[in-house]
Amino acid sequence: MPNQVEEFNAYRLKMNDKILAEDNKVIKRIFNLDTNAFKKGHLDVKTKELLGLVASTVLRCDDCIKYHLETAYNEGITKEEVMETLSIATLVGGTIVIPHLRRAYEFWEELESKG
């Protein structure tokens, strides 16, 4: 039985393939911009992923939170670094982000269990 990490990645891949197959120039450029923005530059990938995690949490985007958590995990970010990042996000976002904090914690646990 697939876990939520596998389900998330399978759905994301399937839908991205369908969307990009439509050959919409604007959508393709947005996807490209997103990909390139998170590459190493003056800031390293780890820092950019943590910034993305804060923004995604404050904006309450569960899919974005999952994406940044998994990328951060793959970059070698520790649970302590994730928790500190999520604490900043919760402070900035307020108590309305607590449900997203819960789901983020649960997703991180699944990432760790697959490792």
N, C-alpha and C. Protein backbone atom coordinates (compact mmCIF):
# COMPACT_ATOMS: atom_id res chain seq x y z
N MET A 1 0.85 -1.18 0.00
CA MET A 1 0.00 0.00 0.00
C MET A 1 0.90 1.25 0.00
N PRO A 2 0.67 2.17 -0.95
CA PRO A 2 1.52 3.37 -1.00
C PRO A 2 1.24 4.31 0.17
N ASN A 3 2.28 4.99 0.61
CA ASN A 3 2.07 5.97 1.68
C ASN A 3 1.80 7.33 1.05
N GLN A 4 1.58 8.33 1.88
CA GLN A 4 1.20 9.63 1.34
C GLN A 4 2.32 10.28 0.52
N VAL A 5 3.57 9.96 0.80
CA VAL A 5 4.69 10.48 0.01
C VAL A 5 4.60 9.93 -1.41
N GLU A 6 4.44 8.61 -1.53
CA GLU A 6 4.32 7.98 -2.85
C GLU A 6 3.08 8.47 -3.60
N GLU A 7 1.96 8.58 -2.90
CA GLU A 7 0.72 9.05 -3.53
C GLU A 7 0.88 10.49 -4.02
N PHE A 8 1.48 11.33 -3.21
CA PHE A 8 1.69 12.73 -3.58
C PHE A 8 2.56 12.82 -4.83
N ASN A 9 3.67 12.09 -4.84
CA ASN A 9 4.58 12.15 -5.99
C ASN A 9 3.96 11.58 -7.25
N ALA A 10 3.22 10.49 -7.14
CA ALA A 10 2.57 9.90 -8.32
C ALA A 10 1.53 10.85 -8.90
N TYR A 11 0.71 11.43 -8.04
CA TYR A 11 -0.32 12.36 -8.51
C TYR A 11 0.32 13.60 -9.14
N ARG A 12 1.34 14.15 -8.49
CA ARG A 12 2.01 15.35 -8.98
C ARG A 12 2.62 15.09 -10.36
N LEU A 13 3.30 13.96 -10.51
CA LEU A 13 3.91 13.61 -11.79
C LEU A 13 2.85 13.44 -12.88
N LYS A 14 1.80 12.69 -12.56
CA LYS A 14 0.73 12.44 -13.53
C LYS A 14 0.10 13.75 -14.00
N MET A 15 -0.24 14.61 -13.06
CA MET A 15 -0.93 15.85 -13.42
C MET A 15 0.01 16.85 -14.10
N ASN A 16 1.26 16.93 -13.65
CA ASN A 16 2.22 17.80 -14.33
C ASN A 16 2.41 17.37 -15.78
N ASP A 17 2.51 16.07 -16.02
CA ASP A 17 2.65 15.57 -17.39
C ASP A 17 1.45 15.97 -18.24
N LYS A 18 0.25 15.82 -17.69
CA LYS A 18 -0.96 16.19 -18.43
C LYS A 18 -1.00 17.69 -18.72
N ILE A 19 -0.70 18.48 -17.70
CA ILE A 19 -0.75 19.94 -17.86
C ILE A 19 0.28 20.42 -18.87
N LEU A 20 1.51 19.91 -18.75
CA LEU A 20 2.57 20.34 -19.66
C LEU A 20 2.35 19.84 -21.09
N ALA A 21 1.62 18.75 -21.26
CA ALA A 21 1.30 18.23 -22.59
C ALA A 21 0.36 19.17 -23.36
N GLU A 22 -0.33 20.04 -22.64
CA GLU A 22 -1.23 21.00 -23.29
C GLU A 22 -0.45 22.07 -24.06
N ASP A 23 0.85 22.16 -23.82
CA ASP A 23 1.74 23.06 -24.55
C ASP A 23 1.33 24.53 -24.42
N ASN A 24 0.96 24.93 -23.20
CA ASN A 24 0.61 26.32 -22.92
C ASN A 24 1.89 27.05 -22.54
N LYS A 25 2.25 28.04 -23.32
CA LYS A 25 3.51 28.75 -23.13
C LYS A 25 3.61 29.40 -21.75
N VAL A 26 2.55 30.02 -21.27
CA VAL A 26 2.56 30.70 -19.98
C VAL A 26 2.78 29.70 -18.85
N ILE A 27 2.03 28.60 -18.88
CA ILE A 27 2.17 27.59 -17.83
C ILE A 27 3.58 26.99 -17.86
N LYS A 28 4.08 26.69 -19.04
CA LYS A 28 5.44 26.13 -19.14
C LYS A 28 6.48 27.11 -18.60
N ARG A 29 6.29 28.39 -18.86
CA ARG A 29 7.24 29.38 -18.35
C ARG A 29 7.17 29.51 -16.84
N ILE A 30 5.96 29.41 -16.28
CA ILE A 30 5.82 29.47 -14.82
C ILE A 30 6.50 28.26 -14.19
N PHE A 31 6.29 27.06 -14.74
CA PHE A 31 6.94 25.86 -14.23
C PHE A 31 8.46 26.02 -14.30
N ASN A 32 8.95 26.53 -15.43
CA ASN A 32 10.39 26.72 -15.62
C ASN A 32 10.95 27.73 -14.63
N LEU A 33 10.23 28.82 -14.43
CA LEU A 33 10.67 29.84 -13.49
C LEU A 33 10.76 29.26 -12.08
N ASP A 34 9.76 28.48 -11.70
CA ASP A 34 9.76 27.85 -10.38
C ASP A 34 10.96 26.92 -10.23
N THR A 35 11.21 26.10 -11.23
CA THR A 35 12.34 25.17 -11.20
C THR A 35 13.66 25.93 -11.06
N ASN A 36 13.84 26.95 -11.86
CA ASN A 36 15.10 27.70 -11.85
C ASN A 36 15.28 28.55 -10.60
N ALA A 37 14.20 29.04 -10.03
CA ALA A 37 14.30 29.88 -8.83
C ALA A 37 14.88 29.10 -7.65
N PHE A 38 14.65 27.80 -7.60
CA PHE A 38 15.11 27.01 -6.46
C PHE A 38 16.45 26.32 -6.70
N LYS A 39 17.11 26.63 -7.83
CA LYS A 39 18.46 26.11 -8.06
C LYS A 39 19.47 26.93 -7.26
N LYS A 40 20.63 26.35 -7.04
CA LYS A 40 21.70 27.05 -6.32
C LYS A 40 22.05 28.34 -7.04
N GLY A 41 22.14 29.39 -6.27
CA GLY A 41 22.55 30.70 -6.78
C GLY A 41 23.37 31.35 -5.68
N HIS A 42 23.06 32.60 -5.36
CA HIS A 42 23.71 33.24 -4.23
C HIS A 42 23.31 32.56 -2.93
N LEU A 43 22.10 32.00 -2.92
CA LEU A 43 21.64 31.17 -1.79
C LEU A 43 21.75 29.72 -2.20
N ASP A 44 22.10 28.86 -1.25
CA ASP A 44 22.16 27.44 -1.57
C ASP A 44 20.75 26.84 -1.62
N VAL A 45 20.64 25.65 -2.16
CA VAL A 45 19.35 24.99 -2.33
C VAL A 45 18.66 24.78 -0.99
N LYS A 46 19.43 24.38 0.01
CA LYS A 46 18.88 24.13 1.35
C LYS A 46 18.17 25.38 1.88
N THR A 47 18.81 26.52 1.79
CA THR A 47 18.22 27.78 2.27
C THR A 47 16.97 28.11 1.48
N LYS A 48 17.02 27.95 0.17
CA LYS A 48 15.86 28.25 -0.66
C LYS A 48 14.68 27.35 -0.32
N GLU A 49 14.95 26.08 -0.06
CA GLU A 49 13.87 25.16 0.30
C GLU A 49 13.25 25.53 1.64
N LEU A 50 14.06 25.95 2.59
CA LEU A 50 13.52 26.38 3.88
C LEU A 50 12.69 27.65 3.73
N LEU A 51 13.14 28.56 2.88
CA LEU A 51 12.35 29.77 2.60
C LEU A 51 11.02 29.39 1.94
N GLY A 52 11.10 28.47 0.99
CA GLY A 52 9.88 27.99 0.33
C GLY A 52 8.93 27.33 1.31
N LEU A 53 9.49 26.59 2.27
CA LEU A 53 8.66 25.93 3.28
C LEU A 53 7.95 26.95 4.16
N VAL A 54 8.64 28.00 4.56
CA VAL A 54 8.00 29.05 5.37
C VAL A 54 6.88 29.71 4.57
N ALA A 55 7.19 30.11 3.34
CA ALA A 55 6.17 30.79 2.52
C ALA A 55 4.97 29.89 2.28
N SER A 56 5.23 28.63 1.97
CA SER A 56 4.13 27.69 1.70
C SER A 56 3.27 27.45 2.93
N THR A 57 3.89 27.41 4.09
CA THR A 57 3.14 27.21 5.33
C THR A 57 2.29 28.44 5.63
N VAL A 58 2.88 29.61 5.52
CA VAL A 58 2.14 30.84 5.79
C VAL A 58 0.97 31.00 4.80
N LEU A 59 1.20 30.59 3.55
CA LEU A 59 0.15 30.68 2.53
C LEU A 59 -0.82 29.50 2.59
N ARG A 60 -0.51 28.53 3.46
CA ARG A 60 -1.37 27.38 3.73
C ARG A 60 -1.59 26.50 2.49
N CYS A 61 -0.50 26.21 1.79
CA CYS A 61 -0.55 25.34 0.61
C CYS A 61 0.06 23.98 0.96
N ASP A 62 -0.80 23.02 1.28
CA ASP A 62 -0.31 21.70 1.70
C ASP A 62 0.54 21.01 0.63
N ASP A 63 0.15 21.11 -0.65
CA ASP A 63 0.96 20.50 -1.70
C ASP A 63 2.34 21.13 -1.76
N CYS A 64 2.41 22.44 -1.62
CA CYS A 64 3.69 23.14 -1.64
C CYS A 64 4.54 22.75 -0.43
N ILE A 65 3.90 22.64 0.71
CA ILE A 65 4.60 22.22 1.93
C ILE A 65 5.22 20.84 1.71
N LYS A 66 4.44 19.91 1.17
CA LYS A 66 4.95 18.56 0.92
C LYS A 66 6.12 18.60 -0.05
N TYR A 67 5.99 19.37 -1.11
CA TYR A 67 7.07 19.47 -2.10
C TYR A 67 8.36 19.97 -1.45
N HIS A 68 8.26 21.06 -0.69
CA HIS A 68 9.45 21.63 -0.07
C HIS A 68 10.01 20.72 1.03
N LEU A 69 9.15 20.03 1.75
CA LEU A 69 9.64 19.09 2.76
C LEU A 69 10.44 17.96 2.10
N GLU A 70 9.91 17.41 1.03
CA GLU A 70 10.62 16.30 0.39
C GLU A 70 11.93 16.76 -0.24
N THR A 71 11.92 17.91 -0.88
CA THR A 71 13.16 18.42 -1.46
C THR A 71 14.16 18.73 -0.36
N ALA A 72 13.70 19.31 0.73
CA ALA A 72 14.58 19.59 1.87
C ALA A 72 15.15 18.29 2.43
N TYR A 73 14.31 17.29 2.57
CA TYR A 73 14.75 15.98 3.06
C TYR A 73 15.85 15.43 2.16
N ASN A 74 15.63 15.52 0.85
CA ASN A 74 16.62 15.02 -0.11
C ASN A 74 17.91 15.83 -0.11
N GLU A 75 17.84 17.07 0.37
CA GLU A 75 19.03 17.91 0.50
C GLU A 75 19.77 17.67 1.81
N GLY A 76 19.23 16.77 2.65
CA GLY A 76 19.91 16.44 3.90
C GLY A 76 19.55 17.32 5.08
N ILE A 77 18.47 18.05 4.97
CA ILE A 77 18.04 18.89 6.08
C ILE A 77 17.56 18.00 7.22
N THR A 78 17.90 18.39 8.42
CA THR A 78 17.56 17.59 9.59
C THR A 78 16.15 17.92 10.09
N LYS A 79 15.64 17.02 10.90
CA LYS A 79 14.33 17.24 11.52
C LYS A 79 14.35 18.50 12.38
N GLU A 80 15.46 18.73 13.07
CA GLU A 80 15.57 19.92 13.92
C GLU A 80 15.51 21.20 13.08
N GLU A 81 16.15 21.18 11.91
CA GLU A 81 16.10 22.35 11.02
C GLU A 81 14.69 22.57 10.49
N VAL A 82 14.02 21.48 10.14
CA VAL A 82 12.63 21.58 9.67
C VAL A 82 11.74 22.13 10.77
N MET A 83 11.88 21.61 11.98
CA MET A 83 11.03 22.08 13.07
C MET A 83 11.28 23.55 13.39
N GLU A 84 12.54 23.98 13.34
CA GLU A 84 12.82 25.39 13.58
C GLU A 84 12.21 26.25 12.47
N THR A 85 12.30 25.78 11.23
CA THR A 85 11.70 26.49 10.11
C THR A 85 10.19 26.57 10.25
N LEU A 86 9.57 25.44 10.62
CA LEU A 86 8.12 25.43 10.80
C LEU A 86 7.69 26.28 12.00
N SER A 87 8.57 26.41 12.99
CA SER A 87 8.23 27.28 14.13
C SER A 87 8.18 28.74 13.68
N ILE A 88 9.10 29.13 12.81
CA ILE A 88 9.07 30.50 12.27
C ILE A 88 7.81 30.70 11.43
N ALA A 89 7.49 29.70 10.61
CA ALA A 89 6.29 29.79 9.77
C ALA A 89 5.03 29.92 10.61
N THR A 90 4.98 29.18 11.71
CA THR A 90 3.81 29.23 12.59
C THR A 90 3.73 30.57 13.31
N LEU A 91 4.87 31.09 13.71
CA LEU A 91 4.90 32.42 14.33
C LEU A 91 4.41 33.48 13.35
N VAL A 92 4.92 33.45 12.14
CA VAL A 92 4.54 34.45 11.14
C VAL A 92 3.09 34.27 10.69
N GLY A 93 2.70 33.00 10.48
CA GLY A 93 1.36 32.72 9.96
C GLY A 93 0.26 32.75 11.00
N GLY A 94 0.62 32.53 12.25
CA GLY A 94 -0.38 32.52 13.31
C GLY A 94 -1.00 31.14 13.49
N THR A 95 -1.92 31.08 14.42
CA THR A 95 -2.50 29.79 14.78
C THR A 95 -3.29 29.14 13.66
N ILE A 96 -3.67 29.90 12.64
CA ILE A 96 -4.42 29.31 11.52
C ILE A 96 -3.58 28.30 10.75
N VAL A 97 -2.24 28.37 10.88
CA VAL A 97 -1.40 27.41 10.16
C VAL A 97 -1.14 26.13 10.95
N ILE A 98 -1.64 26.04 12.17
CA ILE A 98 -1.39 24.85 12.99
C ILE A 98 -1.87 23.56 12.31
N PRO A 99 -3.03 23.52 11.65
CA PRO A 99 -3.39 22.29 10.94
C PRO A 99 -2.37 21.90 9.86
N HIS A 100 -1.79 22.89 9.21
CA HIS A 100 -0.77 22.63 8.19
C HIS A 100 0.53 22.16 8.84
N LEU A 101 0.83 22.67 10.01
CA LEU A 101 1.97 22.22 10.80
C LEU A 101 1.81 20.73 11.13
N ARG A 102 0.62 20.35 11.53
CA ARG A 102 0.36 18.94 11.85
C ARG A 102 0.60 18.05 10.64
N ARG A 103 0.04 18.45 9.49
CA ARG A 103 0.19 17.64 8.28
C ARG A 103 1.65 17.63 7.82
N ALA A 104 2.34 18.75 7.98
CA ALA A 104 3.76 18.80 7.61
C ALA A 104 4.56 17.84 8.48
N TYR A 105 4.29 17.84 9.76
CA TYR A 105 5.00 16.94 10.68
C TYR A 105 4.75 15.49 10.30
N GLU A 106 3.50 15.16 10.01
CA GLU A 106 3.14 13.80 9.61
C GLU A 106 3.86 13.40 8.31
N PHE A 107 3.91 14.31 7.34
CA PHE A 107 4.58 14.03 6.07
C PHE A 107 6.08 13.83 6.30
N TRP A 108 6.68 14.67 7.14
CA TRP A 108 8.10 14.52 7.46
C TRP A 108 8.38 13.14 8.07
N GLU A 109 7.50 12.70 8.97
CA GLU A 109 7.66 11.39 9.58
C GLU A 109 7.67 10.29 8.51
N GLU A 110 6.82 10.42 7.52
CA GLU A 110 6.79 9.42 6.44
C GLU A 110 8.06 9.49 5.61
N LEU A 111 8.55 10.70 5.37
CA LEU A 111 9.83 10.83 4.65
C LEU A 111 10.95 10.12 5.41
N GLU A 112 11.00 10.34 6.72
CA GLU A 112 12.03 9.71 7.55
C GLU A 112 11.87 8.17 7.54
N SER A 113 10.64 7.70 7.56
CA SER A 113 10.42 6.25 7.63
C SER A 113 10.82 5.56 6.33
N LYS A 114 10.77 6.27 5.21
CA LYS A 114 11.18 5.67 3.94
C LYS A 114 12.69 5.64 3.78
N GLY A 115 13.38 6.56 4.53
CA GLY A 115 14.82 6.73 4.42
C GLY A 115 15.55 5.56 4.96
